[in-house]
Amino acid sequence: MESGNNMFLIVSLIIAGIAIIIAIGVFAYAHLLESETAQKAAALKQAESSVSESTVDSFIRLRDRLTQAQTVLSQHVLMSQFLDDLSSLTLTDVRFTNMQITVGEDHSAAVHMTGTAKTFNALAAQSAAFATQPLIKQAIFSGITADDKGVVTFTLNAVLDPRLVDIPPTLPASWSVAAPAEAATTTDTTQATSTATTTP
C-alpha cells in the first residue's frame, strides 16, 4: 500500500514538474515575443523618422499622377486592333480609299469607309469576309456603282464593338505603337491593304 502511494506521489511530482516547465516556457516565449515586438516598433519608428517630408510628398504626387494617367487612358481609345482586323479581312481585289471613324463616350464606334472593288463578285466576297468578324457589326454596303470598266465603287458603314477600340490592360506584342484617338471625335485616314485573294 505504501509502495502504491509512493508511485502516485512520484507521478504527481512528474506531472507538476512538467506543468511548471511548460509554464516557464510559455512565459519565456511571451517575453521573447514582447521583446521582438518592441524592437520592431522601435525600428519602424526609426525608419519613419528617417523619411523626409519631401519624400512623402513626392510619393503622394507620384500616386496622384498615376491615378490621373489611369483616368486619361480610360477615356481614350486605340484603333490598332481594328486596323489589324481590317488588314486581315480586306481582299486583294478590294481597296478602301477613305475611312472616317466616330467614337462615342461609351467607346462604341461608327466607321464610314469608301472604296473600290474590281468586280461585283469581289464586293460580295468582301461582304462575306466582314460577316466572319462578330466585333464588326451592321456592315452595310451602299452607293454601289460600276464604271465602264466594271470597277465597282461603294460606301461601307459599320458599328465597331468597344472591344476593338478600347485600350487593353496589356498590349499584344503584335500591335504596332500607335497614338490613341480622342474619344467622341472623328478621325480621317486612308487605308489600302492586300492580304488575301478572291476569285471573281
N, C-alpha and C. Protein backbone atom coordinates (compact mmCIF):
# COMPACT_ATOMS: atom_id res chain seq x y z
N MET A 1 0.83 -1.21 0.00
CA MET A 1 0.00 0.00 0.00
C MET A 1 0.86 1.25 0.00
N GLU A 2 1.90 1.19 0.80
CA GLU A 2 2.81 2.34 0.87
C GLU A 2 3.54 2.52 -0.45
N SER A 3 3.85 1.39 -1.10
CA SER A 3 4.52 1.45 -2.40
C SER A 3 3.62 2.14 -3.44
N GLY A 4 2.32 1.84 -3.39
CA GLY A 4 1.38 2.46 -4.33
C GLY A 4 1.29 3.95 -4.11
N ASN A 5 1.31 4.33 -2.80
CA ASN A 5 1.24 5.78 -2.50
C ASN A 5 2.49 6.49 -3.02
N ASN A 6 3.62 5.84 -2.87
CA ASN A 6 4.87 6.45 -3.36
C ASN A 6 4.85 6.62 -4.88
N MET A 7 4.34 5.61 -5.55
CA MET A 7 4.27 5.69 -7.01
C MET A 7 3.36 6.84 -7.45
N PHE A 8 2.21 6.96 -6.76
CA PHE A 8 1.27 8.04 -7.07
C PHE A 8 1.92 9.40 -6.83
N LEU A 9 2.71 9.50 -5.73
CA LEU A 9 3.38 10.76 -5.40
C LEU A 9 4.42 11.10 -6.48
N ILE A 10 5.15 10.08 -6.92
CA ILE A 10 6.18 10.31 -7.94
C ILE A 10 5.54 10.80 -9.24
N VAL A 11 4.44 10.13 -9.64
CA VAL A 11 3.74 10.53 -10.87
C VAL A 11 3.22 11.96 -10.75
N SER A 12 2.68 12.28 -9.58
CA SER A 12 2.15 13.63 -9.36
C SER A 12 3.26 14.66 -9.46
N LEU A 13 4.43 14.33 -8.84
CA LEU A 13 5.56 15.26 -8.91
C LEU A 13 6.05 15.45 -10.34
N ILE A 14 6.06 14.35 -11.12
CA ILE A 14 6.49 14.45 -12.52
C ILE A 14 5.54 15.35 -13.31
N ILE A 15 4.25 15.13 -13.12
CA ILE A 15 3.26 15.95 -13.82
C ILE A 15 3.39 17.41 -13.42
N ALA A 16 3.56 17.65 -12.11
CA ALA A 16 3.72 19.02 -11.63
C ALA A 16 4.97 19.66 -12.22
N GLY A 17 6.06 18.86 -12.29
CA GLY A 17 7.30 19.39 -12.87
C GLY A 17 7.14 19.76 -14.33
N ILE A 18 6.44 18.86 -15.07
CA ILE A 18 6.20 19.13 -16.49
C ILE A 18 5.37 20.40 -16.65
N ALA A 19 4.34 20.55 -15.81
CA ALA A 19 3.47 21.73 -15.88
C ALA A 19 4.27 23.00 -15.60
N ILE A 20 5.17 22.91 -14.59
CA ILE A 20 5.99 24.07 -14.27
C ILE A 20 6.92 24.44 -15.43
N ILE A 21 7.51 23.40 -16.04
CA ILE A 21 8.42 23.64 -17.17
C ILE A 21 7.66 24.28 -18.34
N ILE A 22 6.46 23.78 -18.61
CA ILE A 22 5.65 24.34 -19.69
C ILE A 22 5.29 25.79 -19.39
N ALA A 23 4.92 26.06 -18.12
CA ALA A 23 4.55 27.43 -17.73
C ALA A 23 5.74 28.36 -17.90
N ILE A 24 6.92 27.89 -17.50
CA ILE A 24 8.13 28.72 -17.65
C ILE A 24 8.41 28.97 -19.15
N GLY A 25 8.23 27.90 -19.95
CA GLY A 25 8.46 28.05 -21.39
C GLY A 25 7.50 29.04 -22.02
N VAL A 26 6.23 28.97 -21.65
CA VAL A 26 5.23 29.91 -22.18
C VAL A 26 5.56 31.33 -21.77
N PHE A 27 5.96 31.50 -20.51
CA PHE A 27 6.30 32.83 -20.01
C PHE A 27 7.50 33.39 -20.77
N ALA A 28 8.51 32.52 -20.96
CA ALA A 28 9.71 32.96 -21.66
C ALA A 28 9.40 33.31 -23.12
N TYR A 29 8.57 32.49 -23.76
CA TYR A 29 8.22 32.75 -25.16
C TYR A 29 7.43 34.05 -25.29
N ALA A 30 6.50 34.28 -24.35
CA ALA A 30 5.72 35.53 -24.37
C ALA A 30 6.64 36.73 -24.17
N HIS A 31 7.61 36.58 -23.26
CA HIS A 31 8.56 37.66 -23.03
C HIS A 31 9.40 37.91 -24.29
N LEU A 32 9.76 36.84 -24.99
CA LEU A 32 10.53 36.97 -26.22
C LEU A 32 9.73 37.69 -27.30
N LEU A 33 8.45 37.32 -27.42
CA LEU A 33 7.59 37.98 -28.40
C LEU A 33 7.44 39.47 -28.10
N GLU A 34 7.26 39.79 -26.82
CA GLU A 34 7.14 41.19 -26.43
C GLU A 34 8.41 41.96 -26.76
N SER A 35 9.53 41.31 -26.54
CA SER A 35 10.81 41.96 -26.83
C SER A 35 10.97 42.21 -28.33
N GLU A 36 10.62 41.19 -29.14
CA GLU A 36 10.72 41.35 -30.58
C GLU A 36 9.75 42.41 -31.10
N THR A 37 8.55 42.44 -30.52
CA THR A 37 7.57 43.46 -30.93
C THR A 37 8.08 44.85 -30.62
N ALA A 38 8.68 45.01 -29.45
CA ALA A 38 9.22 46.31 -29.07
C ALA A 38 10.36 46.71 -30.00
N GLN A 39 11.21 45.75 -30.35
CA GLN A 39 12.32 46.04 -31.24
C GLN A 39 11.83 46.46 -32.63
N LYS A 40 10.83 45.73 -33.14
CA LYS A 40 10.30 46.05 -34.45
C LYS A 40 9.59 47.41 -34.44
N ALA A 41 8.88 47.70 -33.36
CA ALA A 41 8.23 49.01 -33.25
C ALA A 41 9.26 50.13 -33.25
N ALA A 42 10.36 49.90 -32.50
CA ALA A 42 11.42 50.91 -32.46
C ALA A 42 12.07 51.07 -33.83
N ALA A 43 12.28 49.94 -34.55
CA ALA A 43 12.87 50.01 -35.88
C ALA A 43 11.95 50.73 -36.85
N LEU A 44 10.64 50.46 -36.75
CA LEU A 44 9.67 51.13 -37.62
C LEU A 44 9.63 52.62 -37.36
N LYS A 45 9.67 52.98 -36.08
CA LYS A 45 9.66 54.40 -35.71
C LYS A 45 10.90 55.09 -36.25
N GLN A 46 12.04 54.41 -36.16
CA GLN A 46 13.28 54.98 -36.66
C GLN A 46 13.23 55.13 -38.19
N ALA A 47 12.65 54.12 -38.87
CA ALA A 47 12.53 54.19 -40.32
C ALA A 47 11.60 55.33 -40.74
N GLU A 48 10.51 55.49 -39.98
CA GLU A 48 9.59 56.57 -40.29
C GLU A 48 10.24 57.93 -40.10
N SER A 49 11.03 58.05 -39.06
CA SER A 49 11.67 59.33 -38.79
C SER A 49 12.76 59.64 -39.82
N SER A 50 13.30 58.59 -40.47
CA SER A 50 14.35 58.81 -41.45
C SER A 50 13.80 59.25 -42.80
N VAL A 51 12.48 59.09 -43.01
CA VAL A 51 11.87 59.50 -44.26
C VAL A 51 11.48 60.97 -44.16
N SER A 52 12.02 61.76 -45.07
CA SER A 52 11.76 63.19 -45.01
C SER A 52 10.36 63.51 -45.53
N GLU A 53 9.87 64.66 -45.14
CA GLU A 53 8.54 65.09 -45.56
C GLU A 53 8.49 65.30 -47.07
N SER A 54 9.59 65.74 -47.65
CA SER A 54 9.63 65.95 -49.10
C SER A 54 9.50 64.62 -49.86
N THR A 55 10.11 63.57 -49.28
CA THR A 55 10.00 62.25 -49.90
C THR A 55 8.55 61.76 -49.89
N VAL A 56 7.90 61.95 -48.76
CA VAL A 56 6.48 61.56 -48.65
C VAL A 56 5.65 62.33 -49.66
N ASP A 57 5.91 63.64 -49.77
CA ASP A 57 5.16 64.46 -50.73
C ASP A 57 5.39 63.99 -52.17
N SER A 58 6.64 63.60 -52.47
CA SER A 58 6.92 63.13 -53.83
C SER A 58 6.18 61.84 -54.14
N PHE A 59 6.08 60.94 -53.15
CA PHE A 59 5.32 59.70 -53.35
C PHE A 59 3.84 60.00 -53.55
N ILE A 60 3.32 60.96 -52.81
CA ILE A 60 1.92 61.33 -52.95
C ILE A 60 1.66 61.91 -54.33
N ARG A 61 2.58 62.76 -54.80
CA ARG A 61 2.43 63.35 -56.14
C ARG A 61 2.49 62.26 -57.21
N LEU A 62 3.41 61.29 -57.02
CA LEU A 62 3.51 60.19 -57.98
C LEU A 62 2.22 59.39 -58.03
N ARG A 63 1.66 59.11 -56.86
CA ARG A 63 0.40 58.36 -56.81
C ARG A 63 -0.71 59.12 -57.52
N ASP A 64 -0.78 60.44 -57.29
CA ASP A 64 -1.81 61.25 -57.93
C ASP A 64 -1.64 61.26 -59.45
N ARG A 65 -0.38 61.32 -59.91
CA ARG A 65 -0.13 61.31 -61.35
C ARG A 65 -0.52 59.98 -61.98
N LEU A 66 -0.20 58.88 -61.28
CA LEU A 66 -0.58 57.57 -61.80
C LEU A 66 -2.10 57.44 -61.87
N THR A 67 -2.79 57.96 -60.86
CA THR A 67 -4.25 57.92 -60.86
C THR A 67 -4.81 58.73 -62.02
N GLN A 68 -4.24 59.92 -62.24
CA GLN A 68 -4.69 60.76 -63.35
C GLN A 68 -4.41 60.10 -64.69
N ALA A 69 -3.23 59.46 -64.80
CA ALA A 69 -2.88 58.78 -66.05
C ALA A 69 -3.87 57.65 -66.34
N GLN A 70 -4.24 56.90 -65.30
CA GLN A 70 -5.21 55.81 -65.47
C GLN A 70 -6.55 56.36 -65.94
N THR A 71 -6.94 57.52 -65.38
CA THR A 71 -8.20 58.15 -65.78
C THR A 71 -8.16 58.58 -67.24
N VAL A 72 -7.03 59.18 -67.65
CA VAL A 72 -6.88 59.63 -69.03
C VAL A 72 -6.92 58.45 -70.00
N LEU A 73 -6.21 57.35 -69.65
CA LEU A 73 -6.20 56.18 -70.50
C LEU A 73 -7.59 55.57 -70.66
N SER A 74 -8.35 55.59 -69.57
CA SER A 74 -9.69 55.00 -69.62
C SER A 74 -10.62 55.80 -70.52
N GLN A 75 -10.25 57.07 -70.81
CA GLN A 75 -11.09 57.92 -71.65
C GLN A 75 -10.60 57.95 -73.09
N HIS A 76 -9.56 57.21 -73.41
CA HIS A 76 -9.02 57.18 -74.76
C HIS A 76 -9.29 55.84 -75.43
N VAL A 77 -9.11 55.83 -76.72
CA VAL A 77 -9.31 54.60 -77.50
C VAL A 77 -8.08 54.36 -78.36
N LEU A 78 -7.95 53.14 -78.81
CA LEU A 78 -6.81 52.74 -79.64
C LEU A 78 -7.33 51.96 -80.83
N MET A 79 -6.96 52.39 -82.03
CA MET A 79 -7.50 51.81 -83.25
C MET A 79 -6.65 50.68 -83.82
N SER A 80 -5.54 50.36 -83.20
CA SER A 80 -4.62 49.37 -83.78
C SER A 80 -5.29 48.03 -84.02
N GLN A 81 -6.10 47.57 -83.07
CA GLN A 81 -6.71 46.25 -83.23
C GLN A 81 -7.69 46.25 -84.40
N PHE A 82 -8.48 47.31 -84.52
CA PHE A 82 -9.42 47.37 -85.65
C PHE A 82 -8.67 47.41 -86.97
N LEU A 83 -7.60 48.20 -87.04
CA LEU A 83 -6.84 48.30 -88.28
C LEU A 83 -6.18 46.97 -88.63
N ASP A 84 -5.72 46.24 -87.61
CA ASP A 84 -5.17 44.91 -87.86
C ASP A 84 -6.23 43.98 -88.43
N ASP A 85 -7.42 44.02 -87.84
CA ASP A 85 -8.52 43.17 -88.33
C ASP A 85 -8.91 43.58 -89.75
N LEU A 86 -8.97 44.89 -89.98
CA LEU A 86 -9.32 45.36 -91.32
C LEU A 86 -8.30 44.89 -92.35
N SER A 87 -7.03 44.92 -91.97
CA SER A 87 -5.97 44.46 -92.89
C SER A 87 -6.13 42.99 -93.23
N SER A 88 -6.47 42.19 -92.22
CA SER A 88 -6.60 40.74 -92.46
C SER A 88 -7.87 40.39 -93.21
N LEU A 89 -8.89 41.25 -93.12
CA LEU A 89 -10.18 40.95 -93.77
C LEU A 89 -10.28 41.50 -95.19
N THR A 90 -9.46 42.50 -95.50
CA THR A 90 -9.57 43.14 -96.82
C THR A 90 -8.97 42.25 -97.91
N LEU A 91 -9.74 42.01 -98.96
CA LEU A 91 -9.30 41.15 -100.06
C LEU A 91 -8.46 41.94 -101.07
N THR A 92 -7.67 41.23 -101.87
CA THR A 92 -6.76 41.88 -102.81
C THR A 92 -7.49 42.64 -103.90
N ASP A 93 -8.71 42.23 -104.21
CA ASP A 93 -9.47 42.89 -105.26
C ASP A 93 -10.32 44.04 -104.72
N VAL A 94 -10.14 44.36 -103.44
CA VAL A 94 -10.90 45.44 -102.81
C VAL A 94 -9.92 46.44 -102.22
N ARG A 95 -10.23 47.70 -102.40
CA ARG A 95 -9.36 48.75 -101.86
C ARG A 95 -10.22 49.80 -101.15
N PHE A 96 -9.86 50.12 -99.91
CA PHE A 96 -10.53 51.20 -99.19
C PHE A 96 -9.72 52.48 -99.38
N THR A 97 -10.40 53.52 -99.82
CA THR A 97 -9.70 54.76 -100.15
C THR A 97 -9.86 55.83 -99.09
N ASN A 98 -10.87 55.71 -98.25
CA ASN A 98 -11.08 56.72 -97.21
C ASN A 98 -11.79 56.09 -96.03
N MET A 99 -11.42 56.52 -94.84
CA MET A 99 -12.04 55.99 -93.63
C MET A 99 -12.35 57.13 -92.68
N GLN A 100 -13.51 57.06 -92.06
CA GLN A 100 -13.92 58.06 -91.09
C GLN A 100 -14.51 57.31 -89.89
N ILE A 101 -13.94 57.54 -88.72
CA ILE A 101 -14.38 56.83 -87.51
C ILE A 101 -14.83 57.84 -86.47
N THR A 102 -16.00 57.62 -85.92
CA THR A 102 -16.53 58.46 -84.86
C THR A 102 -16.71 57.60 -83.61
N VAL A 103 -16.08 58.01 -82.52
CA VAL A 103 -16.11 57.24 -81.27
C VAL A 103 -16.98 57.96 -80.25
N GLY A 104 -17.92 57.22 -79.67
CA GLY A 104 -18.81 57.79 -78.67
C GLY A 104 -18.22 57.72 -77.27
N GLU A 105 -18.92 58.31 -76.34
CA GLU A 105 -18.46 58.33 -74.95
C GLU A 105 -18.41 56.93 -74.35
N ASP A 106 -19.25 56.03 -74.85
CA ASP A 106 -19.24 54.65 -74.35
C ASP A 106 -18.22 53.78 -75.10
N HIS A 107 -17.38 54.43 -75.92
CA HIS A 107 -16.33 53.75 -76.70
C HIS A 107 -16.89 52.89 -77.83
N SER A 108 -18.18 52.98 -78.09
CA SER A 108 -18.67 52.36 -79.32
C SER A 108 -18.24 53.26 -80.47
N ALA A 109 -18.03 52.68 -81.64
CA ALA A 109 -17.51 53.46 -82.76
C ALA A 109 -18.31 53.16 -84.02
N ALA A 110 -18.53 54.22 -84.80
CA ALA A 110 -19.16 54.08 -86.10
C ALA A 110 -18.11 54.37 -87.16
N VAL A 111 -17.98 53.48 -88.13
CA VAL A 111 -16.98 53.65 -89.18
C VAL A 111 -17.67 53.85 -90.52
N HIS A 112 -17.17 54.83 -91.27
CA HIS A 112 -17.69 55.12 -92.61
C HIS A 112 -16.50 55.05 -93.56
N MET A 113 -16.57 54.15 -94.55
CA MET A 113 -15.47 53.98 -95.49
C MET A 113 -15.99 53.99 -96.92
N THR A 114 -15.15 54.48 -97.80
CA THR A 114 -15.42 54.38 -99.23
C THR A 114 -14.31 53.56 -99.87
N GLY A 115 -14.63 52.90 -100.99
CA GLY A 115 -13.62 52.07 -101.61
C GLY A 115 -14.05 51.61 -102.98
N THR A 116 -13.21 50.77 -103.55
CA THR A 116 -13.48 50.22 -104.87
C THR A 116 -13.22 48.72 -104.86
N ALA A 117 -13.92 48.02 -105.73
CA ALA A 117 -13.72 46.58 -105.93
C ALA A 117 -13.64 46.32 -107.43
N LYS A 118 -12.84 45.33 -107.81
CA LYS A 118 -12.65 45.05 -109.24
C LYS A 118 -13.93 44.56 -109.89
N THR A 119 -14.74 43.79 -109.12
CA THR A 119 -15.97 43.24 -109.67
C THR A 119 -17.04 43.20 -108.58
N PHE A 120 -18.27 42.94 -109.00
CA PHE A 120 -19.36 42.76 -108.03
C PHE A 120 -19.11 41.51 -107.18
N ASN A 121 -18.54 40.47 -107.82
CA ASN A 121 -18.25 39.25 -107.06
C ASN A 121 -17.23 39.52 -105.95
N ALA A 122 -16.23 40.34 -106.26
CA ALA A 122 -15.24 40.69 -105.24
C ALA A 122 -15.88 41.44 -104.09
N LEU A 123 -16.82 42.33 -104.40
CA LEU A 123 -17.51 43.08 -103.35
C LEU A 123 -18.37 42.15 -102.50
N ALA A 124 -19.03 41.17 -103.15
CA ALA A 124 -19.83 40.20 -102.40
C ALA A 124 -18.95 39.37 -101.48
N ALA A 125 -17.77 38.99 -101.98
CA ALA A 125 -16.84 38.22 -101.15
C ALA A 125 -16.34 39.05 -99.98
N GLN A 126 -16.15 40.36 -100.20
CA GLN A 126 -15.71 41.24 -99.12
C GLN A 126 -16.78 41.35 -98.04
N SER A 127 -18.03 41.44 -98.47
CA SER A 127 -19.14 41.50 -97.53
C SER A 127 -19.18 40.23 -96.67
N ALA A 128 -18.95 39.08 -97.31
CA ALA A 128 -18.94 37.81 -96.58
C ALA A 128 -17.76 37.76 -95.60
N ALA A 129 -16.64 38.36 -95.97
CA ALA A 129 -15.47 38.37 -95.08
C ALA A 129 -15.75 39.19 -93.83
N PHE A 130 -16.41 40.33 -93.97
CA PHE A 130 -16.75 41.13 -92.79
C PHE A 130 -17.73 40.40 -91.88
N ALA A 131 -18.57 39.57 -92.47
CA ALA A 131 -19.56 38.83 -91.67
C ALA A 131 -18.90 37.82 -90.74
N THR A 132 -17.63 37.46 -91.00
CA THR A 132 -16.94 36.49 -90.14
C THR A 132 -16.36 37.14 -88.89
N GLN A 133 -16.36 38.47 -88.81
CA GLN A 133 -15.82 39.16 -87.64
C GLN A 133 -16.99 39.71 -86.82
N PRO A 134 -17.33 39.05 -85.70
CA PRO A 134 -18.50 39.47 -84.92
C PRO A 134 -18.35 40.83 -84.25
N LEU A 135 -17.12 41.33 -84.11
CA LEU A 135 -16.93 42.63 -83.47
C LEU A 135 -17.16 43.79 -84.44
N ILE A 136 -17.26 43.49 -85.73
CA ILE A 136 -17.65 44.49 -86.72
C ILE A 136 -19.12 44.22 -87.07
N LYS A 137 -20.00 45.08 -86.59
CA LYS A 137 -21.44 44.82 -86.67
C LYS A 137 -22.11 45.73 -87.69
N GLN A 138 -23.24 45.26 -88.19
CA GLN A 138 -24.10 46.04 -89.08
C GLN A 138 -23.31 46.62 -90.26
N ALA A 139 -22.45 45.79 -90.86
CA ALA A 139 -21.67 46.23 -92.02
C ALA A 139 -22.59 46.32 -93.24
N ILE A 140 -22.87 47.52 -93.67
CA ILE A 140 -23.82 47.75 -94.77
C ILE A 140 -23.09 48.43 -95.93
N PHE A 141 -23.12 47.79 -97.10
CA PHE A 141 -22.55 48.37 -98.32
C PHE A 141 -23.66 49.10 -99.06
N SER A 142 -23.37 50.33 -99.46
CA SER A 142 -24.37 51.13 -100.17
C SER A 142 -23.67 51.99 -101.22
N GLY A 143 -24.47 52.75 -101.99
CA GLY A 143 -23.91 53.61 -103.03
C GLY A 143 -23.08 52.84 -104.04
N ILE A 144 -23.53 51.63 -104.37
CA ILE A 144 -22.75 50.74 -105.25
C ILE A 144 -22.97 51.14 -106.71
N THR A 145 -21.90 51.50 -107.37
CA THR A 145 -21.95 51.85 -108.79
C THR A 145 -20.76 51.22 -109.51
N ALA A 146 -20.87 51.03 -110.81
CA ALA A 146 -19.79 50.46 -111.60
C ALA A 146 -19.51 51.35 -112.80
N ASP A 147 -18.21 51.53 -113.12
CA ASP A 147 -17.87 52.35 -114.27
C ASP A 147 -17.85 51.48 -115.53
N ASP A 148 -17.44 52.08 -116.65
CA ASP A 148 -17.46 51.34 -117.92
C ASP A 148 -16.45 50.21 -117.97
N LYS A 149 -15.49 50.20 -117.03
CA LYS A 149 -14.52 49.11 -116.97
C LYS A 149 -14.92 48.02 -115.97
N GLY A 150 -16.07 48.20 -115.35
CA GLY A 150 -16.56 47.21 -114.40
C GLY A 150 -16.06 47.40 -112.97
N VAL A 151 -15.28 48.45 -112.74
CA VAL A 151 -14.79 48.72 -111.38
C VAL A 151 -15.94 49.25 -110.53
N VAL A 152 -16.14 48.63 -109.37
CA VAL A 152 -17.28 48.96 -108.50
C VAL A 152 -16.84 49.93 -107.41
N THR A 153 -17.58 51.01 -107.26
CA THR A 153 -17.36 51.97 -106.18
C THR A 153 -18.46 51.77 -105.14
N PHE A 154 -18.09 51.84 -103.88
CA PHE A 154 -19.08 51.56 -102.83
C PHE A 154 -18.78 52.39 -101.58
N THR A 155 -19.75 52.40 -100.70
CA THR A 155 -19.63 53.01 -99.37
C THR A 155 -19.95 51.94 -98.33
N LEU A 156 -19.20 51.91 -97.26
CA LEU A 156 -19.43 50.93 -96.19
C LEU A 156 -19.62 51.66 -94.88
N ASN A 157 -20.72 51.32 -94.19
CA ASN A 157 -20.97 51.83 -92.85
C ASN A 157 -21.08 50.64 -91.90
N ALA A 158 -20.43 50.74 -90.75
CA ALA A 158 -20.45 49.64 -89.79
C ALA A 158 -20.31 50.19 -88.38
N VAL A 159 -20.68 49.35 -87.42
CA VAL A 159 -20.54 49.69 -86.00
C VAL A 159 -19.47 48.78 -85.40
N LEU A 160 -18.54 49.36 -84.65
CA LEU A 160 -17.45 48.59 -84.05
C LEU A 160 -17.73 48.33 -82.58
N ASP A 161 -17.52 47.10 -82.18
CA ASP A 161 -17.65 46.75 -80.77
C ASP A 161 -16.59 47.50 -79.97
N PRO A 162 -16.93 47.99 -78.75
CA PRO A 162 -15.94 48.72 -77.94
C PRO A 162 -14.65 47.95 -77.71
N ARG A 163 -14.72 46.61 -77.74
CA ARG A 163 -13.50 45.83 -77.54
C ARG A 163 -12.48 46.03 -78.65
N LEU A 164 -12.93 46.55 -79.80
CA LEU A 164 -12.00 46.80 -80.90
C LEU A 164 -11.26 48.12 -80.75
N VAL A 165 -11.78 49.01 -79.89
CA VAL A 165 -11.17 50.34 -79.76
C VAL A 165 -10.69 50.65 -78.36
N ASP A 166 -11.05 49.82 -77.38
CA ASP A 166 -10.59 50.05 -76.01
C ASP A 166 -9.11 49.75 -75.90
N ILE A 167 -8.42 50.47 -75.00
CA ILE A 167 -7.03 50.17 -74.70
C ILE A 167 -7.01 48.99 -73.74
N PRO A 168 -6.45 47.83 -74.14
CA PRO A 168 -6.43 46.66 -73.27
C PRO A 168 -5.42 46.84 -72.14
N PRO A 169 -5.57 46.07 -71.03
CA PRO A 169 -4.63 46.17 -69.92
C PRO A 169 -3.20 45.88 -70.36
N THR A 170 -3.03 44.91 -71.26
CA THR A 170 -1.71 44.56 -71.78
C THR A 170 -1.77 44.56 -73.30
N LEU A 171 -0.95 45.38 -73.92
CA LEU A 171 -0.97 45.45 -75.37
C LEU A 171 -0.32 44.22 -75.98
N PRO A 172 -0.96 43.58 -76.94
CA PRO A 172 -0.34 42.43 -77.60
C PRO A 172 0.96 42.81 -78.26
N ALA A 173 1.91 41.90 -78.27
CA ALA A 173 3.23 42.18 -78.85
C ALA A 173 3.15 42.47 -80.33
N SER A 174 2.12 41.93 -80.99
CA SER A 174 1.99 42.12 -82.43
C SER A 174 1.52 43.51 -82.81
N TRP A 175 1.01 44.25 -81.82
CA TRP A 175 0.49 45.58 -82.13
C TRP A 175 1.65 46.55 -82.36
N SER A 176 1.49 47.38 -83.33
CA SER A 176 2.47 48.45 -83.54
C SER A 176 2.12 49.61 -82.64
N VAL A 177 3.11 50.45 -82.33
CA VAL A 177 2.86 51.61 -81.47
C VAL A 177 2.02 52.59 -82.25
N ALA A 178 0.93 53.00 -81.66
CA ALA A 178 0.04 53.94 -82.34
C ALA A 178 -0.50 54.92 -81.34
N ALA A 179 -0.71 56.15 -81.76
CA ALA A 179 -1.27 57.17 -80.88
C ALA A 179 -2.75 56.93 -80.78
N PRO A 180 -3.32 56.90 -79.57
CA PRO A 180 -4.76 56.69 -79.40
C PRO A 180 -5.56 57.85 -79.94
N ALA A 181 -6.75 57.54 -80.46
CA ALA A 181 -7.63 58.59 -80.98
C ALA A 181 -8.43 59.19 -79.84
N GLU A 182 -8.80 60.46 -79.96
CA GLU A 182 -9.58 61.11 -78.94
C GLU A 182 -11.01 60.57 -78.95
N ALA A 183 -11.58 60.37 -77.77
CA ALA A 183 -12.96 59.91 -77.68
C ALA A 183 -13.88 61.00 -78.17
N ALA A 184 -15.01 60.56 -78.80
CA ALA A 184 -16.05 61.45 -79.30
C ALA A 184 -15.52 62.40 -80.36
N THR A 185 -14.53 62.00 -81.14
CA THR A 185 -14.03 62.80 -82.24
C THR A 185 -14.05 61.97 -83.50
N THR A 186 -13.82 62.59 -84.61
CA THR A 186 -13.82 61.91 -85.90
C THR A 186 -12.43 61.94 -86.47
N THR A 187 -11.92 60.79 -86.92
CA THR A 187 -10.58 60.69 -87.48
C THR A 187 -10.69 60.26 -88.93
N ASP A 188 -9.99 60.95 -89.80
CA ASP A 188 -9.95 60.61 -91.22
C ASP A 188 -8.62 59.95 -91.51
N THR A 189 -8.65 58.85 -92.23
CA THR A 189 -7.42 58.19 -92.62
C THR A 189 -7.65 57.44 -93.91
N THR A 190 -6.59 57.09 -94.59
CA THR A 190 -6.69 56.32 -95.83
C THR A 190 -6.06 54.97 -95.61
N GLN A 191 -6.77 53.94 -96.01
CA GLN A 191 -6.30 52.58 -95.77
C GLN A 191 -6.41 51.77 -97.05
N ALA A 192 -5.30 51.21 -97.50
CA ALA A 192 -5.30 50.31 -98.64
C ALA A 192 -4.52 49.09 -98.25
N THR A 193 -5.14 47.92 -98.29
CA THR A 193 -4.48 46.70 -97.83
C THR A 193 -4.64 45.60 -98.85
N SER A 194 -3.71 44.63 -98.83
CA SER A 194 -3.76 43.43 -99.69
C SER A 194 -3.29 42.26 -98.88
N THR A 195 -4.23 41.39 -98.49
CA THR A 195 -3.85 40.30 -97.61
C THR A 195 -4.38 38.95 -98.05
N ALA A 196 -5.38 38.91 -98.93
CA ALA A 196 -5.95 37.62 -99.31
C ALA A 196 -6.36 37.70 -100.77
N THR A 197 -6.69 36.57 -101.35
CA THR A 197 -7.06 36.52 -102.76
C THR A 197 -8.48 36.00 -102.90
N THR A 198 -9.27 36.64 -103.75
CA THR A 198 -10.62 36.16 -104.00
C THR A 198 -10.78 35.93 -105.49
N THR A 199 -11.60 34.99 -105.85
CA THR A 199 -11.82 34.66 -107.28
C THR A 199 -13.06 35.36 -107.77
N PRO A 200 -12.93 36.25 -108.75
CA PRO A 200 -14.13 36.98 -109.25
C PRO A 200 -15.18 36.03 -109.76
